[in-house]
Amino acid sequence: MHLKLILTLGLIVLFFNPAYATASQDGFKVPFAYGLGKNLFAKNCSGCHGKWGKGTPNGPSLMHPVYVSSHHGDQAFYRAALNGVRSHHWKFGDMPPVPGIDRATLNKIVPYIRWLQQKNGIK
């Protein structure tokens, strides 16, 4: 009885690895720790910055080297989302504050963006 339970649990872990979310981009999976950030990014940011942060006709790619943390620190993302920002690198126009966004939501989104940047070679 115990052996069957152990084998069943082992197969579940093997096929449904809880360390990773199911969505992937360009061959890599989003770790579970960033899953909520990914979903919140999709809801609040992807309309302008694209599903994987690679930009749209409405907003720039966050995977561009200009957004490296040494040039645009995490607080730049918080300020832009909470307060809006004047256009200074791109010609998309000023970014307005994101409606309904708060620091708690950004506490999940910003680490996801940084992880995504790292996976795209932006360090």
N, C-alpha and C. Protein backbone atom coordinates (compact mmCIF):
# COMPACT_ATOMS: atom_id res chain seq x y z
N MET A 1 0.82 -1.19 0.00
CA MET A 1 0.00 0.00 0.00
C MET A 1 0.87 1.26 0.00
N HIS A 2 1.84 1.32 0.90
CA HIS A 2 2.70 2.48 0.99
C HIS A 2 3.56 2.63 -0.27
N LEU A 3 4.00 1.51 -0.80
CA LEU A 3 4.82 1.55 -2.01
C LEU A 3 4.04 2.14 -3.18
N LYS A 4 2.77 1.74 -3.32
CA LYS A 4 1.93 2.29 -4.40
C LYS A 4 1.76 3.80 -4.23
N LEU A 5 1.56 4.25 -3.03
CA LEU A 5 1.39 5.67 -2.75
C LEU A 5 2.67 6.44 -3.09
N ILE A 6 3.79 5.91 -2.69
CA ILE A 6 5.08 6.55 -2.98
C ILE A 6 5.33 6.61 -4.48
N LEU A 7 5.06 5.51 -5.18
CA LEU A 7 5.25 5.50 -6.62
C LEU A 7 4.30 6.48 -7.32
N THR A 8 3.08 6.55 -6.88
CA THR A 8 2.10 7.47 -7.47
C THR A 8 2.54 8.92 -7.25
N LEU A 9 2.95 9.24 -6.04
CA LEU A 9 3.42 10.59 -5.76
C LEU A 9 4.67 10.93 -6.57
N GLY A 10 5.55 9.97 -6.70
CA GLY A 10 6.76 10.17 -7.52
C GLY A 10 6.42 10.49 -8.96
N LEU A 11 5.45 9.77 -9.53
CA LEU A 11 5.04 10.03 -10.91
C LEU A 11 4.38 11.40 -11.05
N ILE A 12 3.61 11.79 -10.06
CA ILE A 12 2.98 13.12 -10.10
C ILE A 12 4.05 14.20 -10.11
N VAL A 13 5.04 14.09 -9.24
CA VAL A 13 6.12 15.07 -9.20
C VAL A 13 6.90 15.07 -10.51
N LEU A 14 7.14 13.92 -11.06
CA LEU A 14 7.89 13.82 -12.32
C LEU A 14 7.17 14.50 -13.46
N PHE A 15 5.87 14.30 -13.58
CA PHE A 15 5.12 14.84 -14.71
C PHE A 15 4.56 16.23 -14.46
N PHE A 16 4.35 16.59 -13.22
CA PHE A 16 3.80 17.89 -12.88
C PHE A 16 4.73 18.59 -11.90
N ASN A 17 5.93 18.86 -12.33
CA ASN A 17 6.94 19.45 -11.47
C ASN A 17 6.44 20.77 -10.90
N PRO A 18 6.19 20.86 -9.60
CA PRO A 18 5.63 22.07 -9.01
C PRO A 18 6.60 23.24 -8.99
N ALA A 19 7.85 23.03 -9.35
CA ALA A 19 8.81 24.13 -9.34
C ALA A 19 8.63 25.04 -10.54
N TYR A 20 7.85 24.64 -11.52
CA TYR A 20 7.70 25.42 -12.73
C TYR A 20 6.25 25.65 -13.08
N ALA A 21 5.97 26.86 -13.57
CA ALA A 21 4.65 27.13 -14.12
C ALA A 21 4.57 26.46 -15.48
N THR A 22 3.41 26.36 -16.07
CA THR A 22 3.27 25.63 -17.32
C THR A 22 3.64 26.46 -18.54
N ALA A 23 3.51 27.78 -18.47
CA ALA A 23 3.80 28.61 -19.63
C ALA A 23 5.31 28.69 -19.85
N SER A 24 5.70 28.73 -21.11
CA SER A 24 7.12 28.86 -21.42
C SER A 24 7.30 29.86 -22.55
N GLN A 25 8.51 30.34 -22.68
CA GLN A 25 8.86 31.30 -23.71
C GLN A 25 10.20 30.90 -24.29
N ASP A 26 10.25 30.74 -25.58
CA ASP A 26 11.51 30.42 -26.25
C ASP A 26 12.26 29.26 -25.61
N GLY A 27 11.52 28.24 -25.20
CA GLY A 27 12.17 27.03 -24.72
C GLY A 27 12.47 26.99 -23.24
N PHE A 28 12.18 28.03 -22.49
CA PHE A 28 12.40 27.93 -21.04
C PHE A 28 11.09 28.15 -20.31
N LYS A 29 10.98 27.48 -19.17
CA LYS A 29 9.75 27.54 -18.38
C LYS A 29 9.87 28.60 -17.30
N VAL A 30 8.76 29.23 -17.00
CA VAL A 30 8.71 30.23 -15.94
C VAL A 30 8.65 29.51 -14.60
N PRO A 31 9.63 29.74 -13.72
CA PRO A 31 9.59 29.09 -12.41
C PRO A 31 8.32 29.46 -11.65
N PHE A 32 7.86 28.54 -10.85
CA PHE A 32 6.64 28.75 -10.07
C PHE A 32 6.70 30.04 -9.26
N ALA A 33 7.87 30.38 -8.73
CA ALA A 33 8.04 31.57 -7.90
C ALA A 33 7.69 32.85 -8.66
N TYR A 34 7.76 32.82 -9.99
CA TYR A 34 7.45 34.00 -10.80
C TYR A 34 6.11 33.88 -11.51
N GLY A 35 5.38 32.82 -11.24
CA GLY A 35 4.10 32.60 -11.92
C GLY A 35 3.08 33.69 -11.66
N LEU A 36 2.95 34.14 -10.42
CA LEU A 36 2.00 35.20 -10.12
C LEU A 36 2.44 36.50 -10.79
N GLY A 37 3.74 36.79 -10.76
CA GLY A 37 4.26 37.98 -11.44
C GLY A 37 3.98 37.94 -12.93
N LYS A 38 4.12 36.76 -13.52
CA LYS A 38 3.82 36.60 -14.95
C LYS A 38 2.35 36.91 -15.22
N ASN A 39 1.46 36.37 -14.39
CA ASN A 39 0.03 36.61 -14.59
C ASN A 39 -0.33 38.08 -14.38
N LEU A 40 0.26 38.71 -13.38
CA LEU A 40 0.00 40.12 -13.13
C LEU A 40 0.58 41.00 -14.23
N PHE A 41 1.75 40.60 -14.76
CA PHE A 41 2.34 41.32 -15.89
C PHE A 41 1.40 41.22 -17.09
N ALA A 42 0.88 40.02 -17.34
CA ALA A 42 -0.03 39.82 -18.47
C ALA A 42 -1.26 40.72 -18.33
N LYS A 43 -1.78 40.84 -17.13
CA LYS A 43 -2.98 41.62 -16.89
C LYS A 43 -2.72 43.13 -16.97
N ASN A 44 -1.59 43.59 -16.45
CA ASN A 44 -1.34 45.02 -16.29
C ASN A 44 -0.37 45.64 -17.27
N CYS A 45 0.50 44.86 -17.87
CA CYS A 45 1.62 45.43 -18.63
C CYS A 45 1.71 44.97 -20.08
N SER A 46 1.24 43.77 -20.37
CA SER A 46 1.48 43.17 -21.68
C SER A 46 0.76 43.89 -22.82
N GLY A 47 -0.28 44.65 -22.52
CA GLY A 47 -0.97 45.39 -23.58
C GLY A 47 -0.04 46.34 -24.31
N CYS A 48 0.92 46.89 -23.59
CA CYS A 48 1.90 47.79 -24.20
C CYS A 48 3.27 47.15 -24.38
N HIS A 49 3.68 46.33 -23.41
CA HIS A 49 5.04 45.78 -23.43
C HIS A 49 5.12 44.37 -24.00
N GLY A 50 4.00 43.79 -24.40
CA GLY A 50 4.00 42.48 -25.04
C GLY A 50 3.93 41.34 -24.05
N LYS A 51 3.47 40.20 -24.52
CA LYS A 51 3.28 39.01 -23.69
C LYS A 51 4.54 38.63 -22.93
N TRP A 52 5.68 38.70 -23.58
CA TRP A 52 6.95 38.33 -22.97
C TRP A 52 7.86 39.53 -22.77
N GLY A 53 7.24 40.73 -22.70
CA GLY A 53 8.01 41.94 -22.44
C GLY A 53 8.84 42.42 -23.60
N LYS A 54 8.55 41.93 -24.80
CA LYS A 54 9.37 42.27 -25.97
C LYS A 54 8.79 43.42 -26.78
N GLY A 55 7.81 44.14 -26.21
CA GLY A 55 7.28 45.34 -26.85
C GLY A 55 6.15 45.07 -27.82
N THR A 56 5.45 46.15 -28.14
CA THR A 56 4.36 46.16 -29.11
C THR A 56 4.41 47.51 -29.82
N PRO A 57 3.55 47.76 -30.77
CA PRO A 57 3.49 49.11 -31.36
C PRO A 57 3.08 50.18 -30.33
N ASN A 58 2.59 49.76 -29.16
CA ASN A 58 2.15 50.72 -28.14
C ASN A 58 3.18 50.99 -27.05
N GLY A 59 4.22 50.18 -26.98
CA GLY A 59 5.20 50.37 -25.91
C GLY A 59 6.48 49.59 -26.18
N PRO A 60 7.56 50.02 -25.52
CA PRO A 60 8.87 49.44 -25.79
C PRO A 60 9.08 48.05 -25.19
N SER A 61 10.07 47.40 -25.71
CA SER A 61 10.51 46.11 -25.17
C SER A 61 11.26 46.35 -23.87
N LEU A 62 10.88 45.62 -22.84
CA LEU A 62 11.62 45.68 -21.58
C LEU A 62 12.82 44.75 -21.61
N MET A 63 13.00 44.06 -22.74
CA MET A 63 14.15 43.18 -22.93
C MET A 63 15.29 43.92 -23.63
N HIS A 64 15.17 45.21 -23.80
CA HIS A 64 16.21 46.03 -24.41
C HIS A 64 17.29 46.35 -23.36
N PRO A 65 18.56 46.38 -23.76
CA PRO A 65 19.64 46.65 -22.79
C PRO A 65 19.49 47.98 -22.02
N VAL A 66 18.72 48.92 -22.52
CA VAL A 66 18.54 50.18 -21.80
C VAL A 66 17.85 49.94 -20.45
N TYR A 67 17.14 48.82 -20.32
CA TYR A 67 16.44 48.51 -19.07
C TYR A 67 17.26 47.64 -18.12
N VAL A 68 18.56 47.50 -18.39
CA VAL A 68 19.43 46.77 -17.48
C VAL A 68 19.34 47.44 -16.10
N SER A 69 19.44 46.65 -15.05
CA SER A 69 19.21 47.18 -13.70
C SER A 69 20.19 48.29 -13.31
N SER A 70 21.38 48.31 -13.89
CA SER A 70 22.33 49.37 -13.55
C SER A 70 21.94 50.71 -14.18
N HIS A 71 21.07 50.68 -15.18
CA HIS A 71 20.60 51.93 -15.81
C HIS A 71 19.19 52.29 -15.36
N HIS A 72 18.31 51.32 -15.31
CA HIS A 72 16.95 51.49 -14.80
C HIS A 72 16.78 50.51 -13.64
N GLY A 73 17.02 50.98 -12.44
CA GLY A 73 16.86 50.13 -11.26
C GLY A 73 15.40 49.76 -11.05
N ASP A 74 15.17 48.87 -10.12
CA ASP A 74 13.81 48.41 -9.84
C ASP A 74 12.87 49.58 -9.54
N GLN A 75 13.37 50.58 -8.82
CA GLN A 75 12.52 51.72 -8.46
C GLN A 75 12.02 52.47 -9.69
N ALA A 76 12.75 52.42 -10.79
CA ALA A 76 12.29 53.06 -12.02
C ALA A 76 11.01 52.39 -12.52
N PHE A 77 10.92 51.08 -12.39
CA PHE A 77 9.71 50.36 -12.78
C PHE A 77 8.54 50.73 -11.86
N TYR A 78 8.83 50.81 -10.56
CA TYR A 78 7.79 51.20 -9.61
C TYR A 78 7.27 52.61 -9.92
N ARG A 79 8.20 53.56 -10.09
CA ARG A 79 7.79 54.94 -10.37
C ARG A 79 6.99 55.05 -11.66
N ALA A 80 7.45 54.36 -12.70
CA ALA A 80 6.76 54.43 -13.99
C ALA A 80 5.34 53.89 -13.88
N ALA A 81 5.18 52.75 -13.23
CA ALA A 81 3.85 52.14 -13.13
C ALA A 81 2.93 52.94 -12.21
N LEU A 82 3.47 53.43 -11.10
CA LEU A 82 2.65 54.14 -10.12
C LEU A 82 2.35 55.59 -10.51
N ASN A 83 3.35 56.26 -11.11
CA ASN A 83 3.23 57.70 -11.37
C ASN A 83 3.23 58.07 -12.84
N GLY A 84 3.56 57.12 -13.70
CA GLY A 84 3.75 57.45 -15.10
C GLY A 84 5.16 57.98 -15.31
N VAL A 85 5.55 58.13 -16.56
CA VAL A 85 6.90 58.64 -16.87
C VAL A 85 6.87 59.31 -18.23
N ARG A 86 7.65 60.37 -18.35
CA ARG A 86 7.77 61.05 -19.65
C ARG A 86 8.62 60.21 -20.59
N SER A 87 8.27 60.25 -21.84
CA SER A 87 9.03 59.52 -22.85
C SER A 87 10.45 60.09 -22.90
N HIS A 88 11.45 59.23 -22.77
CA HIS A 88 12.83 59.71 -22.83
C HIS A 88 13.78 58.80 -23.59
N HIS A 89 13.39 57.56 -23.84
CA HIS A 89 14.23 56.67 -24.65
C HIS A 89 13.56 56.33 -25.97
N TRP A 90 12.25 56.40 -26.02
CA TRP A 90 11.49 55.93 -27.15
C TRP A 90 10.50 56.98 -27.63
N LYS A 91 9.88 56.73 -28.75
CA LYS A 91 8.89 57.65 -29.31
C LYS A 91 7.48 57.07 -29.22
N PHE A 92 7.20 56.36 -28.13
CA PHE A 92 5.88 55.80 -27.92
C PHE A 92 4.97 56.80 -27.21
N GLY A 93 5.52 57.90 -26.76
CA GLY A 93 4.78 58.87 -25.97
C GLY A 93 4.97 58.59 -24.49
N ASP A 94 4.44 59.49 -23.68
CA ASP A 94 4.56 59.33 -22.24
C ASP A 94 3.80 58.09 -21.77
N MET A 95 4.32 57.47 -20.73
CA MET A 95 3.63 56.34 -20.13
C MET A 95 2.76 56.86 -19.00
N PRO A 96 1.45 56.64 -19.07
CA PRO A 96 0.60 57.06 -17.96
C PRO A 96 0.72 56.08 -16.79
N PRO A 97 0.29 56.49 -15.59
CA PRO A 97 0.25 55.51 -14.50
C PRO A 97 -0.64 54.34 -14.88
N VAL A 98 -0.31 53.16 -14.40
CA VAL A 98 -1.12 51.97 -14.69
C VAL A 98 -2.33 51.99 -13.76
N PRO A 99 -3.54 52.00 -14.33
CA PRO A 99 -4.74 52.05 -13.49
C PRO A 99 -4.83 50.87 -12.51
N GLY A 100 -5.09 51.19 -11.25
CA GLY A 100 -5.31 50.15 -10.24
C GLY A 100 -4.06 49.45 -9.74
N ILE A 101 -2.88 49.82 -10.22
CA ILE A 101 -1.64 49.14 -9.79
C ILE A 101 -1.24 49.64 -8.40
N ASP A 102 -0.61 48.78 -7.62
CA ASP A 102 -0.10 49.18 -6.32
C ASP A 102 1.25 48.50 -6.08
N ARG A 103 1.92 48.90 -5.00
CA ARG A 103 3.25 48.35 -4.71
C ARG A 103 3.23 46.84 -4.51
N ALA A 104 2.19 46.34 -3.87
CA ALA A 104 2.11 44.89 -3.63
C ALA A 104 2.08 44.12 -4.94
N THR A 105 1.36 44.63 -5.91
CA THR A 105 1.30 43.99 -7.23
C THR A 105 2.67 44.10 -7.91
N LEU A 106 3.27 45.27 -7.82
CA LEU A 106 4.59 45.47 -8.44
C LEU A 106 5.67 44.63 -7.76
N ASN A 107 5.47 44.32 -6.47
CA ASN A 107 6.43 43.44 -5.78
C ASN A 107 6.48 42.05 -6.40
N LYS A 108 5.48 41.68 -7.16
CA LYS A 108 5.46 40.40 -7.88
C LYS A 108 5.91 40.59 -9.33
N ILE A 109 5.51 41.71 -9.95
CA ILE A 109 5.81 41.95 -11.36
C ILE A 109 7.29 42.24 -11.60
N VAL A 110 7.88 43.11 -10.79
CA VAL A 110 9.27 43.54 -11.05
C VAL A 110 10.25 42.36 -10.98
N PRO A 111 10.19 41.48 -9.97
CA PRO A 111 11.10 40.33 -10.00
C PRO A 111 10.88 39.44 -11.22
N TYR A 112 9.63 39.30 -11.66
CA TYR A 112 9.37 38.52 -12.88
C TYR A 112 10.05 39.18 -14.08
N ILE A 113 9.94 40.50 -14.20
CA ILE A 113 10.60 41.20 -15.32
C ILE A 113 12.10 40.98 -15.26
N ARG A 114 12.69 41.10 -14.08
CA ARG A 114 14.15 40.91 -13.95
C ARG A 114 14.54 39.47 -14.31
N TRP A 115 13.75 38.51 -13.89
CA TRP A 115 14.04 37.12 -14.26
C TRP A 115 13.96 36.95 -15.77
N LEU A 116 12.92 37.52 -16.36
CA LEU A 116 12.72 37.42 -17.80
C LEU A 116 13.87 38.10 -18.55
N GLN A 117 14.32 39.24 -18.05
CA GLN A 117 15.46 39.91 -18.67
C GLN A 117 16.70 39.04 -18.61
N GLN A 118 16.94 38.43 -17.47
CA GLN A 118 18.11 37.56 -17.33
C GLN A 118 18.06 36.42 -18.34
N LYS A 119 16.88 35.83 -18.51
CA LYS A 119 16.73 34.74 -19.48
C LYS A 119 16.95 35.23 -20.92
N ASN A 120 16.77 36.53 -21.14
CA ASN A 120 16.96 37.11 -22.47
C ASN A 120 18.31 37.81 -22.60
N GLY A 121 19.22 37.56 -21.65
CA GLY A 121 20.57 38.08 -21.75
C GLY A 121 20.75 39.51 -21.27
N ILE A 122 19.74 40.08 -20.61
CA ILE A 122 19.85 41.44 -20.08
C ILE A 122 20.22 41.30 -18.61
N LYS A 123 21.41 41.69 -18.25
CA LYS A 123 21.86 41.53 -16.86
C LYS A 123 22.19 42.85 -16.33
